[in-house]
Amino acid sequence: TEGDPGASIAAPIGAVSENGNRVYWTDEGDLYLREGAQSFQVDEAKGGGGNFQAASSDGSVAFFTKEGHLYRFLANTKAVVDLTPSGGVLGVLGASVSGGDVYYQGASGIQRWHEGTSTQVAPGAEAAIKSDYFPPTIGTARVSPDGAHLAFLSTAELNGYDNAGRTEAFLYGPPAGGGAPQLNCASCS
């Protein structure tokens, strides 16, 4: 950019692709991508002001939020898709290395977006503790590289165990032998 300095890397983790060809950065509240020798505004179609959340390891897919919506950006086509048309996104917990999966805390609970479909992982607006998704990209939640599993913390009674308001660690995903994804409390007695 020209003029007064003000650019910053979009996030402490995930804003630079593995080979360094793609870098997500912000300037004056807008989100940009530097790809090779060119830069362009990622959130321009949404009026700017997007907050970077996560990116695929090669930087070809990025997720950003704005005004309670979660957007998916595709670097190859410059397409921006609203994954949550009804809004209500409180924060992003993480994404897979391919960008095919993203987990987020919404008003109705934790959701997993996978290749066009959202599935509820855990119910309730406070299913994940706020540190799981704030600040973006360095919260306490973790997503497996393939996006099939999510580990997160919660003080909510998500499986009927009386945790007396204490923080518990939960794991969502298919069991080791295969099958439908399940929500299990890893730290409950």
Protein backbone atom coordinates (compact mmCIF):
# COMPACT_ATOMS: atom_id res chain seq x y z
CA THR A 1 0.00 0.00 0.00
CA GLU A 2 1.01 3.61 -0.33
CA GLY A 3 0.83 6.31 2.30
CA ASP A 4 1.03 5.84 6.05
CA PRO A 5 2.15 2.39 7.19
CA GLY A 6 -0.61 0.35 8.73
CA ALA A 7 -0.42 -3.16 7.32
CA SER A 8 -0.23 -6.19 9.60
CA ILE A 9 -0.13 -9.94 9.10
CA ALA A 10 -3.71 -11.25 9.29
CA ALA A 11 -3.03 -13.69 12.15
CA PRO A 12 -0.16 -15.11 14.18
CA ILE A 13 -0.78 -18.58 12.71
CA GLY A 14 -2.14 -19.63 9.30
CA ALA A 15 -1.77 -16.38 7.38
CA VAL A 16 1.21 -17.60 5.32
CA SER A 17 1.04 -20.62 2.99
CA GLU A 18 3.52 -23.48 3.38
CA ASN A 19 5.57 -22.33 0.39
CA GLY A 20 5.24 -18.63 1.21
CA ASN A 21 3.52 -17.82 -2.09
CA ARG A 22 0.33 -16.61 -0.38
CA VAL A 23 0.19 -14.18 2.55
CA TYR A 24 -3.03 -12.85 4.11
CA TRP A 25 -2.71 -9.39 5.66
CA THR A 26 -4.83 -6.48 6.79
CA ASP A 27 -4.66 -2.75 6.27
CA GLU A 28 -7.10 -0.18 7.62
CA GLY A 29 -9.53 -2.94 8.61
CA ASP A 30 -9.65 -4.67 5.21
CA LEU A 31 -8.34 -8.15 4.39
CA TYR A 32 -5.89 -8.72 1.53
CA LEU A 33 -4.02 -11.57 -0.12
CA ARG A 34 -0.57 -11.22 -1.61
CA GLU A 35 -0.16 -13.99 -4.17
CA GLY A 36 3.13 -14.07 -6.02
CA ALA A 37 3.76 -10.48 -7.10
CA GLN A 38 0.15 -9.23 -6.83
CA SER A 39 -2.12 -8.17 -3.98
CA PHE A 40 -5.89 -7.88 -3.95
CA GLN A 41 -8.63 -7.28 -1.41
CA VAL A 42 -10.22 -10.54 -0.25
CA ASP A 43 -13.26 -8.98 1.45
CA GLU A 44 -14.01 -6.32 -1.17
CA ALA A 45 -17.22 -8.04 -2.38
CA LYS A 46 -18.54 -7.80 1.20
CA GLY A 47 -17.66 -4.13 1.63
CA GLY A 48 -14.37 -4.70 3.48
CA GLY A 49 -13.92 -5.09 7.20
CA GLY A 50 -13.46 -8.87 7.16
CA ASN A 51 -11.67 -10.58 10.05
CA PHE A 52 -9.27 -13.35 8.99
CA GLN A 53 -9.93 -16.64 10.80
CA ALA A 54 -8.02 -19.48 9.13
CA ALA A 55 -6.59 -20.67 5.81
CA SER A 56 -5.69 -23.94 4.15
CA SER A 57 -2.02 -24.90 4.33
CA ASP A 58 -1.47 -23.82 0.72
CA GLY A 59 -3.45 -20.59 1.23
CA SER A 60 -5.88 -21.40 -1.58
CA VAL A 61 -8.85 -21.31 0.83
CA ALA A 62 -9.37 -18.77 3.59
CA PHE A 63 -12.14 -18.12 6.07
CA PHE A 64 -13.12 -14.73 7.39
CA THR A 65 -15.96 -13.32 9.45
CA LYS A 66 -17.90 -10.11 9.23
CA GLU A 67 -20.97 -9.04 11.19
CA GLY A 68 -21.81 -12.55 12.41
CA HIS A 69 -21.29 -14.26 9.05
CA LEU A 70 -18.61 -16.78 8.10
CA TYR A 71 -17.22 -16.50 4.57
CA ARG A 72 -15.09 -18.89 2.53
CA PHE A 73 -12.70 -17.34 0.03
CA LEU A 74 -11.19 -19.29 -2.89
CA ALA A 75 -7.94 -17.72 -4.09
CA ASN A 76 -7.99 -19.39 -7.53
CA THR A 77 -11.36 -17.91 -8.55
CA LYS A 78 -11.54 -14.99 -6.07
CA ALA A 79 -15.00 -16.26 -5.10
CA VAL A 80 -16.45 -15.36 -1.68
CA VAL A 81 -19.24 -17.58 -0.34
CA ASP A 82 -21.32 -16.90 2.79
CA LEU A 83 -21.39 -20.23 4.67
CA THR A 84 -23.87 -18.86 7.22
CA PRO A 85 -26.56 -16.84 5.38
CA SER A 86 -28.61 -16.46 8.56
CA GLY A 87 -25.60 -15.15 10.51
CA GLY A 88 -25.12 -15.84 14.20
CA VAL A 89 -21.44 -16.80 14.08
CA LEU A 90 -19.69 -16.02 17.36
CA GLY A 91 -16.26 -17.37 16.46
CA VAL A 92 -14.24 -19.89 14.47
CA LEU A 93 -12.62 -22.82 16.28
CA GLY A 94 -10.45 -24.04 13.41
CA ALA A 95 -10.24 -25.50 9.92
CA SER A 96 -8.70 -28.49 8.15
CA VAL A 97 -5.43 -28.11 6.26
CA SER A 98 -7.31 -28.49 2.94
CA GLY A 99 -9.94 -25.86 3.77
CA GLY A 100 -12.70 -28.42 3.19
CA ASP A 101 -13.82 -28.24 6.83
CA VAL A 102 -14.34 -25.42 9.29
CA TYR A 103 -15.75 -25.52 12.82
CA TYR A 104 -17.46 -22.50 14.32
CA GLN A 105 -19.46 -21.48 17.37
CA GLY A 106 -22.86 -20.17 16.41
CA ALA A 107 -25.87 -18.97 18.34
CA SER A 108 -27.34 -22.50 18.30
CA GLY A 109 -24.11 -24.38 19.05
CA ILE A 110 -20.86 -25.60 17.55
CA GLN A 111 -21.19 -26.38 13.85
CA ARG A 112 -18.99 -28.23 11.38
CA TRP A 113 -19.14 -27.05 7.78
CA HIS A 114 -17.92 -29.79 5.45
CA GLU A 115 -18.03 -29.48 1.67
CA GLY A 116 -21.29 -27.51 1.63
CA THR A 117 -23.15 -29.05 4.57
CA SER A 118 -23.32 -27.84 8.18
CA THR A 119 -23.73 -30.34 11.02
CA GLN A 120 -24.25 -29.56 14.69
CA VAL A 121 -21.41 -30.83 16.87
CA ALA A 122 -22.67 -29.59 20.25
CA PRO A 123 -25.77 -27.57 21.20
CA GLY A 124 -25.87 -24.17 22.87
CA ALA A 125 -24.47 -20.70 22.31
CA GLU A 126 -21.88 -21.40 25.01
CA ALA A 127 -20.90 -24.93 23.95
CA ALA A 128 -17.30 -23.81 23.42
CA ILE A 129 -15.59 -21.53 25.89
CA LYS A 130 -14.64 -18.20 24.37
CA SER A 131 -10.90 -18.96 24.51
CA ASP A 132 -11.56 -21.79 22.02
CA TYR A 133 -12.13 -19.21 19.32
CA PHE A 134 -10.62 -15.96 20.54
CA PRO A 135 -8.30 -14.62 19.33
CA PRO A 136 -8.72 -16.16 15.88
CA THR A 137 -6.29 -18.92 14.91
CA ILE A 138 -4.67 -19.29 18.33
CA GLY A 139 -7.61 -20.29 20.51
CA THR A 140 -7.57 -23.46 22.61
CA ALA A 141 -9.61 -25.62 20.17
CA ARG A 142 -7.77 -27.93 17.76
CA VAL A 143 -8.85 -29.51 14.47
CA SER A 144 -7.21 -32.64 13.06
CA PRO A 145 -5.42 -32.08 9.72
CA ASP A 146 -8.16 -33.94 7.81
CA GLY A 147 -10.91 -31.96 9.56
CA ALA A 148 -12.69 -35.07 10.88
CA HIS A 149 -11.98 -34.36 14.57
CA LEU A 150 -12.36 -31.34 16.82
CA ALA A 151 -11.00 -31.05 20.36
CA PHE A 152 -12.43 -28.17 22.40
CA LEU A 153 -13.13 -27.03 25.94
CA SER A 154 -16.54 -26.42 27.48
CA THR A 155 -18.10 -25.60 30.80
CA ALA A 156 -21.53 -26.67 29.50
CA GLU A 157 -23.00 -30.07 30.35
CA LEU A 158 -22.86 -31.41 26.80
CA ASN A 159 -23.19 -35.13 27.56
CA GLY A 160 -25.26 -35.19 30.75
CA TYR A 161 -22.23 -35.33 33.08
CA ASP A 162 -22.57 -32.91 36.00
CA ASN A 163 -19.31 -31.00 35.69
CA ALA A 164 -20.35 -28.42 38.35
CA GLY A 165 -19.38 -25.61 35.96
CA ARG A 166 -15.81 -26.89 35.56
CA THR A 167 -14.08 -26.88 32.21
CA GLU A 168 -14.01 -30.25 30.44
CA ALA A 169 -12.20 -31.36 27.27
CA PHE A 170 -14.37 -32.78 24.48
CA LEU A 171 -13.55 -34.64 21.30
CA TYR A 172 -15.87 -34.78 18.30
CA GLY A 173 -15.36 -37.12 15.39
CA PRO A 174 -15.76 -40.70 14.17
CA PRO A 175 -14.57 -43.44 16.52
CA ALA A 176 -11.27 -45.22 15.79
CA GLY A 177 -13.02 -48.17 14.13
CA GLY A 178 -15.15 -45.92 11.93
CA GLY A 179 -18.80 -44.98 12.04
CA ALA A 180 -20.79 -41.84 12.60
CA PRO A 181 -19.08 -38.92 14.37
CA GLN A 182 -19.70 -38.74 18.11
CA LEU A 183 -19.18 -36.17 20.84
CA ASN A 184 -17.22 -37.60 23.77
CA CYS A 185 -15.98 -36.00 26.95
CA ALA A 186 -12.28 -36.81 27.17
CA SER A 187 -11.81 -35.45 30.70
CA CYS A 188 -15.07 -36.43 32.44
CA SER A 189 -14.81 -38.94 35.31
